[in-house]
């Protein structure tokens, strides 16, 4: 699967976003090591702390389906800026894939690529408690 195909899946997922408060729909598509892809969109709530980001929806859906190994995640929005994962999503992603490739896209289709460990250096992990 190409980067563009994965981003396209994130764009499709974004169409299901429930974002009446921020008006900032986000879509994500996470590729597992076996090539399976799971998608997610942001789901907001009037109690903002109950809102869930697209990246976590995609990851949690994959984990609920028994997946634990991941290659890449694509994240997109309808904005003119690249869509980066928030701090909470970075922390959740590092639990399962500290070196995952993160494709951050914007509405015009342009994207940038990073490794998660560069977006979240010195992450708190299970090894941090040793």
N, C-alpha and C. Protein backbone atom coordinates (compact mmCIF):
# COMPACT_ATOMS: atom_id res chain seq x y z
N UNK A 1 0.84 -1.18 0.00
CA UNK A 1 0.00 0.00 0.00
C UNK A 1 0.89 1.24 0.00
N UNK A 2 0.53 2.19 -0.83
CA UNK A 2 1.31 3.42 -0.91
C UNK A 2 0.87 4.40 0.18
N UNK A 3 1.71 5.41 0.41
CA UNK A 3 1.35 6.47 1.34
C UNK A 3 0.04 7.12 0.92
N UNK A 4 -0.10 7.40 -0.37
CA UNK A 4 -1.30 8.07 -0.88
C UNK A 4 -2.56 7.23 -0.64
N UNK A 5 -2.45 5.92 -0.80
CA UNK A 5 -3.61 5.05 -0.55
C UNK A 5 -4.00 5.08 0.92
N UNK A 6 -3.01 5.06 1.80
CA UNK A 6 -3.31 5.10 3.23
C UNK A 6 -3.94 6.45 3.60
N UNK A 7 -3.41 7.52 3.05
CA UNK A 7 -3.98 8.84 3.30
C UNK A 7 -5.41 8.92 2.76
N UNK A 8 -5.65 8.34 1.61
CA UNK A 8 -6.99 8.32 1.03
C UNK A 8 -7.98 7.61 1.96
N UNK A 9 -7.53 6.57 2.61
CA UNK A 9 -8.39 5.86 3.57
C UNK A 9 -8.69 6.76 4.77
N UNK A 10 -7.70 7.54 5.19
CA UNK A 10 -7.92 8.49 6.29
C UNK A 10 -8.92 9.57 5.88
N UNK A 11 -8.81 10.04 4.65
CA UNK A 11 -9.75 11.04 4.13
C UNK A 11 -11.17 10.47 4.14
N UNK A 12 -11.34 9.24 3.71
CA UNK A 12 -12.66 8.60 3.72
C UNK A 12 -13.20 8.48 5.14
N UNK A 13 -12.33 8.12 6.08
CA UNK A 13 -12.76 8.00 7.48
C UNK A 13 -13.19 9.35 8.04
N UNK A 14 -12.53 10.42 7.60
CA UNK A 14 -12.84 11.76 8.08
C UNK A 14 -14.29 12.14 7.79
N UNK A 15 -14.85 11.58 6.73
CA UNK A 15 -16.24 11.88 6.36
C UNK A 15 -17.22 11.46 7.44
N UNK A 16 -16.83 10.54 8.32
CA UNK A 16 -17.70 10.09 9.40
C UNK A 16 -17.48 10.84 10.71
N UNK A 17 -16.60 11.83 10.68
CA UNK A 17 -16.29 12.60 11.89
C UNK A 17 -17.55 13.21 12.51
N UNK A 18 -17.59 13.17 13.83
CA UNK A 18 -18.63 13.87 14.58
C UNK A 18 -17.91 15.00 15.32
N UNK A 19 -17.92 16.17 14.71
CA UNK A 19 -17.15 17.29 15.26
C UNK A 19 -17.96 18.60 15.25
N UNK A 20 -19.13 18.60 15.92
CA UNK A 20 -19.96 19.81 15.90
C UNK A 20 -19.41 20.96 16.74
N UNK A 21 -18.50 20.69 17.64
CA UNK A 21 -17.99 21.73 18.54
C UNK A 21 -16.76 22.42 17.95
N UNK A 22 -15.80 21.64 17.51
CA UNK A 22 -14.59 22.22 16.94
C UNK A 22 -14.73 22.53 15.45
N UNK A 23 -15.65 21.85 14.81
CA UNK A 23 -15.79 21.94 13.34
C UNK A 23 -14.45 21.62 12.66
N UNK A 24 -13.72 20.69 13.25
CA UNK A 24 -12.41 20.27 12.75
C UNK A 24 -12.42 18.75 12.59
N UNK A 25 -12.97 18.26 11.48
CA UNK A 25 -13.00 16.81 11.28
C UNK A 25 -11.61 16.26 11.02
N UNK A 26 -11.35 15.09 11.59
CA UNK A 26 -10.06 14.42 11.42
C UNK A 26 -10.32 12.96 11.08
N UNK A 27 -9.50 12.42 10.20
CA UNK A 27 -9.55 11.00 9.87
C UNK A 27 -8.19 10.39 10.03
N UNK A 28 -8.16 9.11 10.36
CA UNK A 28 -6.90 8.39 10.52
C UNK A 28 -7.05 6.98 9.95
N UNK A 29 -5.93 6.46 9.46
CA UNK A 29 -5.87 5.08 8.98
C UNK A 29 -4.55 4.50 9.47
N UNK A 30 -4.63 3.40 10.19
CA UNK A 30 -3.42 2.77 10.73
C UNK A 30 -3.21 1.44 10.02
N UNK A 31 -1.98 1.25 9.54
CA UNK A 31 -1.62 0.02 8.84
C UNK A 31 -0.90 -0.92 9.80
N UNK A 32 -1.42 -2.12 9.91
CA UNK A 32 -0.81 -3.14 10.76
C UNK A 32 0.34 -3.80 10.02
N UNK A 33 1.18 -4.49 10.74
CA UNK A 33 2.33 -5.17 10.13
C UNK A 33 1.90 -6.21 9.11
N UNK A 34 0.70 -6.77 9.26
CA UNK A 34 0.21 -7.77 8.31
C UNK A 34 -0.49 -7.13 7.10
N UNK A 35 -0.50 -5.79 7.02
CA UNK A 35 -1.09 -5.10 5.90
C UNK A 35 -2.55 -4.69 6.10
N UNK A 36 -3.17 -5.18 7.15
CA UNK A 36 -4.55 -4.80 7.45
C UNK A 36 -4.58 -3.34 7.85
N UNK A 37 -5.64 -2.64 7.47
CA UNK A 37 -5.80 -1.22 7.80
C UNK A 37 -7.09 -1.03 8.59
N UNK A 38 -6.98 -0.25 9.64
CA UNK A 38 -8.15 0.15 10.43
C UNK A 38 -8.24 1.67 10.38
N UNK A 39 -9.46 2.18 10.32
CA UNK A 39 -9.65 3.62 10.22
C UNK A 39 -10.41 4.14 11.43
N UNK A 40 -10.34 5.45 11.60
CA UNK A 40 -11.07 6.10 12.68
C UNK A 40 -11.28 7.56 12.36
N UNK A 41 -12.22 8.16 13.03
CA UNK A 41 -12.48 9.60 12.91
C UNK A 41 -12.63 10.15 14.31
N UNK A 42 -12.49 11.47 14.43
CA UNK A 42 -12.67 12.06 15.75
C UNK A 42 -14.16 12.08 16.10
N UNK A 43 -14.43 11.85 17.37
CA UNK A 43 -15.80 11.81 17.89
C UNK A 43 -15.84 12.72 19.10
N UNK A 44 -16.49 13.86 18.93
CA UNK A 44 -16.54 14.87 19.99
C UNK A 44 -17.72 14.65 20.92
N UNK A 45 -17.66 15.33 22.04
CA UNK A 45 -18.71 15.25 23.04
C UNK A 45 -18.82 16.61 23.71
N UNK A 46 -20.02 16.97 24.14
CA UNK A 46 -20.22 18.25 24.83
C UNK A 46 -19.31 18.36 26.05
N UNK A 47 -19.07 17.24 26.72
CA UNK A 47 -18.09 17.18 27.80
C UNK A 47 -16.76 16.91 27.11
N UNK A 48 -16.01 17.96 26.81
CA UNK A 48 -14.85 17.86 25.92
C UNK A 48 -13.84 16.79 26.32
N UNK A 49 -13.70 16.51 27.59
CA UNK A 49 -12.77 15.47 28.03
C UNK A 49 -13.17 14.08 27.55
N UNK A 50 -14.41 13.92 27.13
CA UNK A 50 -14.89 12.64 26.61
C UNK A 50 -14.69 12.49 25.11
N UNK A 51 -14.16 13.51 24.48
CA UNK A 51 -13.86 13.47 23.05
C UNK A 51 -12.74 12.48 22.79
N UNK A 52 -12.80 11.78 21.65
CA UNK A 52 -11.76 10.83 21.27
C UNK A 52 -11.25 11.20 19.89
N UNK A 53 -9.94 11.26 19.76
CA UNK A 53 -9.29 11.62 18.49
C UNK A 53 -9.35 10.46 17.50
N UNK A 54 -9.24 10.80 16.22
CA UNK A 54 -9.29 9.81 15.15
C UNK A 54 -8.19 8.75 15.28
N UNK A 55 -7.00 9.19 15.68
CA UNK A 55 -5.88 8.27 15.78
C UNK A 55 -6.15 7.18 16.82
N UNK A 56 -6.70 7.60 17.96
CA UNK A 56 -6.99 6.61 19.00
C UNK A 56 -8.14 5.70 18.61
N UNK A 57 -9.14 6.23 17.91
CA UNK A 57 -10.24 5.38 17.43
C UNK A 57 -9.68 4.30 16.51
N UNK A 58 -8.83 4.68 15.56
CA UNK A 58 -8.24 3.71 14.64
C UNK A 58 -7.39 2.68 15.39
N UNK A 59 -6.52 3.15 16.27
CA UNK A 59 -5.64 2.25 17.02
C UNK A 59 -6.45 1.33 17.93
N UNK A 60 -7.40 1.87 18.67
CA UNK A 60 -8.19 1.06 19.59
C UNK A 60 -9.02 0.01 18.84
N UNK A 61 -9.52 0.37 17.66
CA UNK A 61 -10.26 -0.60 16.85
C UNK A 61 -9.34 -1.74 16.42
N UNK A 62 -8.13 -1.40 16.03
CA UNK A 62 -7.15 -2.43 15.64
C UNK A 62 -6.80 -3.32 16.83
N UNK A 63 -6.55 -2.72 17.97
CA UNK A 63 -6.21 -3.50 19.17
C UNK A 63 -7.38 -4.40 19.57
N UNK A 64 -8.60 -3.87 19.48
CA UNK A 64 -9.78 -4.66 19.82
C UNK A 64 -9.95 -5.85 18.88
N UNK A 65 -9.40 -5.73 17.66
CA UNK A 65 -9.45 -6.82 16.69
C UNK A 65 -8.25 -7.77 16.82
N UNK A 66 -7.42 -7.53 17.84
CA UNK A 66 -6.31 -8.44 18.12
C UNK A 66 -4.98 -8.04 17.53
N UNK A 67 -4.90 -6.88 16.91
CA UNK A 67 -3.63 -6.46 16.32
C UNK A 67 -2.77 -5.76 17.37
N UNK A 68 -1.46 -5.96 17.28
CA UNK A 68 -0.54 -5.34 18.23
C UNK A 68 0.72 -4.79 17.57
N UNK A 69 0.84 -4.96 16.26
CA UNK A 69 2.05 -4.55 15.56
C UNK A 69 1.65 -3.65 14.38
N UNK A 70 2.30 -2.47 14.30
CA UNK A 70 1.87 -1.46 13.34
C UNK A 70 3.04 -0.88 12.56
N UNK A 71 2.77 -0.52 11.29
CA UNK A 71 3.78 0.07 10.40
C UNK A 71 3.67 1.58 10.31
N UNK A 72 2.44 2.03 9.96
CA UNK A 72 2.23 3.46 9.65
C UNK A 72 0.85 3.89 10.09
N UNK A 73 0.73 5.19 10.32
CA UNK A 73 -0.58 5.79 10.52
C UNK A 73 -0.63 7.08 9.72
N UNK A 74 -1.75 7.28 9.03
CA UNK A 74 -1.98 8.51 8.28
C UNK A 74 -3.06 9.30 9.00
N UNK A 75 -2.84 10.60 9.12
CA UNK A 75 -3.78 11.49 9.81
C UNK A 75 -4.04 12.68 8.90
N UNK A 76 -5.31 13.04 8.73
CA UNK A 76 -5.64 14.16 7.87
C UNK A 76 -6.84 14.94 8.42
N UNK A 77 -6.94 16.17 7.96
CA UNK A 77 -8.08 17.02 8.29
C UNK A 77 -8.45 17.82 7.06
N UNK A 78 -9.42 18.69 7.21
CA UNK A 78 -9.80 19.53 6.08
C UNK A 78 -9.13 20.90 6.15
N UNK A 79 -8.09 21.02 6.98
CA UNK A 79 -7.40 22.28 7.17
C UNK A 79 -6.24 22.49 6.21
N UNK A 80 -5.70 23.69 6.24
CA UNK A 80 -4.57 24.02 5.37
C UNK A 80 -3.22 23.70 6.01
N UNK A 81 -3.23 23.31 7.28
CA UNK A 81 -2.00 22.92 7.98
C UNK A 81 -1.91 21.40 8.06
N UNK A 82 -0.70 20.88 8.20
CA UNK A 82 -0.54 19.45 8.40
C UNK A 82 -1.22 19.04 9.70
N UNK A 83 -1.80 17.87 9.70
CA UNK A 83 -2.54 17.39 10.87
C UNK A 83 -1.64 16.45 11.67
N UNK A 84 -1.10 16.96 12.76
CA UNK A 84 -0.22 16.20 13.63
C UNK A 84 -1.02 15.56 14.77
N UNK A 85 -0.57 14.42 15.29
CA UNK A 85 -1.26 13.83 16.44
C UNK A 85 -1.04 14.67 17.70
N UNK A 86 -2.07 14.76 18.51
CA UNK A 86 -1.95 15.49 19.78
C UNK A 86 -1.06 14.70 20.74
N UNK A 87 -0.75 15.28 21.86
CA UNK A 87 0.11 14.63 22.84
C UNK A 87 -0.46 13.33 23.38
N UNK A 88 -1.77 13.32 23.65
CA UNK A 88 -2.39 12.09 24.16
C UNK A 88 -2.29 10.97 23.13
N UNK A 89 -2.52 11.29 21.86
CA UNK A 89 -2.42 10.27 20.81
C UNK A 89 -0.99 9.77 20.65
N UNK A 90 -0.04 10.68 20.76
CA UNK A 90 1.37 10.27 20.67
C UNK A 90 1.70 9.29 21.79
N UNK A 91 1.22 9.58 22.99
CA UNK A 91 1.49 8.69 24.13
C UNK A 91 0.83 7.33 23.94
N UNK A 92 -0.39 7.30 23.45
CA UNK A 92 -1.08 6.03 23.22
C UNK A 92 -0.39 5.24 22.11
N UNK A 93 0.01 5.91 21.04
CA UNK A 93 0.70 5.23 19.95
C UNK A 93 2.03 4.63 20.40
N UNK A 94 2.76 5.35 21.26
CA UNK A 94 4.08 4.86 21.68
C UNK A 94 3.95 3.56 22.50
N UNK A 95 2.81 3.34 23.10
CA UNK A 95 2.57 2.10 23.85
C UNK A 95 2.72 0.87 22.95
N UNK A 96 2.27 1.00 21.71
CA UNK A 96 2.26 -0.14 20.79
C UNK A 96 3.31 -0.06 19.69
N UNK A 97 3.72 1.14 19.32
CA UNK A 97 4.60 1.27 18.15
C UNK A 97 5.49 2.49 18.27
N UNK A 98 6.52 2.44 19.13
CA UNK A 98 7.36 3.62 19.36
C UNK A 98 8.08 4.15 18.13
N UNK A 99 8.23 3.33 17.11
CA UNK A 99 8.94 3.77 15.90
C UNK A 99 8.01 3.82 14.68
N UNK A 100 6.70 3.88 14.89
CA UNK A 100 5.75 3.89 13.79
C UNK A 100 5.98 5.13 12.91
N UNK A 101 5.76 4.99 11.62
CA UNK A 101 5.82 6.13 10.71
C UNK A 101 4.49 6.87 10.80
N UNK A 102 4.56 8.18 10.92
CA UNK A 102 3.37 9.02 11.05
C UNK A 102 3.30 9.94 9.83
N UNK A 103 2.25 9.74 9.02
CA UNK A 103 2.02 10.58 7.84
C UNK A 103 1.01 11.65 8.22
N UNK A 104 1.42 12.89 8.20
CA UNK A 104 0.58 14.03 8.58
C UNK A 104 0.18 14.77 7.32
N UNK A 105 -1.11 14.74 6.98
CA UNK A 105 -1.58 15.31 5.73
C UNK A 105 -2.41 16.56 5.97
N UNK A 106 -2.66 17.27 4.89
CA UNK A 106 -3.54 18.43 4.94
C UNK A 106 -4.53 18.32 3.77
N UNK A 107 -5.48 19.23 3.72
CA UNK A 107 -6.59 19.12 2.77
C UNK A 107 -6.16 19.09 1.31
N UNK A 108 -5.07 19.74 0.97
CA UNK A 108 -4.66 19.77 -0.44
C UNK A 108 -3.91 18.51 -0.86
N UNK A 109 -3.79 17.53 0.05
CA UNK A 109 -3.15 16.26 -0.27
C UNK A 109 -1.66 16.19 0.02
N UNK A 110 -1.05 17.32 0.31
CA UNK A 110 0.37 17.29 0.67
C UNK A 110 0.51 16.66 2.06
N UNK A 111 1.65 16.03 2.28
CA UNK A 111 1.89 15.40 3.58
C UNK A 111 3.37 15.39 3.91
N UNK A 112 3.63 15.21 5.19
CA UNK A 112 4.99 15.06 5.70
C UNK A 112 5.03 13.75 6.49
N UNK A 113 6.22 13.20 6.63
CA UNK A 113 6.39 11.92 7.31
C UNK A 113 7.41 12.07 8.44
N UNK A 114 7.08 11.47 9.58
CA UNK A 114 7.96 11.48 10.75
C UNK A 114 7.94 10.09 11.39
N UNK A 115 8.92 9.80 12.16
CA UNK A 115 8.89 8.63 13.05
C UNK A 115 8.33 9.14 14.38
N UNK A 116 7.50 8.33 15.00
CA UNK A 116 6.86 8.74 16.24
C UNK A 116 7.89 9.13 17.29
N UNK A 117 9.01 8.40 17.36
CA UNK A 117 10.00 8.73 18.39
C UNK A 117 10.63 10.11 18.19
N UNK A 118 10.50 10.67 16.99
CA UNK A 118 10.98 12.05 16.81
C UNK A 118 9.90 13.07 17.21
N UNK A 119 8.63 12.65 17.17
CA UNK A 119 7.53 13.53 17.60
C UNK A 119 7.32 13.47 19.11
N UNK A 120 7.80 12.39 19.72
CA UNK A 120 7.66 12.22 21.17
C UNK A 120 8.98 11.68 21.74
N UNK A 121 10.00 12.54 21.78
CA UNK A 121 11.28 12.07 22.31
C UNK A 121 11.19 11.82 23.82
N UNK A 122 11.97 10.90 24.29
CA UNK A 122 12.02 10.57 25.72
C UNK A 122 10.63 10.22 26.27
N UNK A 123 9.90 9.40 25.51
CA UNK A 123 8.54 9.02 25.88
C UNK A 123 8.50 8.21 27.16
N UNK A 124 7.41 8.34 27.88
CA UNK A 124 7.16 7.52 29.08
C UNK A 124 6.60 6.19 28.59
N UNK A 125 7.32 5.10 28.89
CA UNK A 125 6.89 3.75 28.47
C UNK A 125 6.98 2.81 29.67
N UNK A 126 6.62 1.56 29.44
CA UNK A 126 6.72 0.56 30.52
C UNK A 126 8.15 0.44 31.01
N UNK A 127 9.12 0.68 30.15
CA UNK A 127 10.52 0.63 30.55
C UNK A 127 10.89 1.78 31.50
N UNK A 128 10.08 2.83 31.48
CA UNK A 128 10.36 3.99 32.35
C UNK A 128 10.13 3.67 33.83
N UNK A 129 9.41 2.62 34.11
CA UNK A 129 9.11 2.28 35.52
C UNK A 129 10.09 1.30 36.11
N UNK A 130 11.06 0.86 35.31
CA UNK A 130 12.07 -0.11 35.81
C UNK A 130 13.08 0.58 36.71
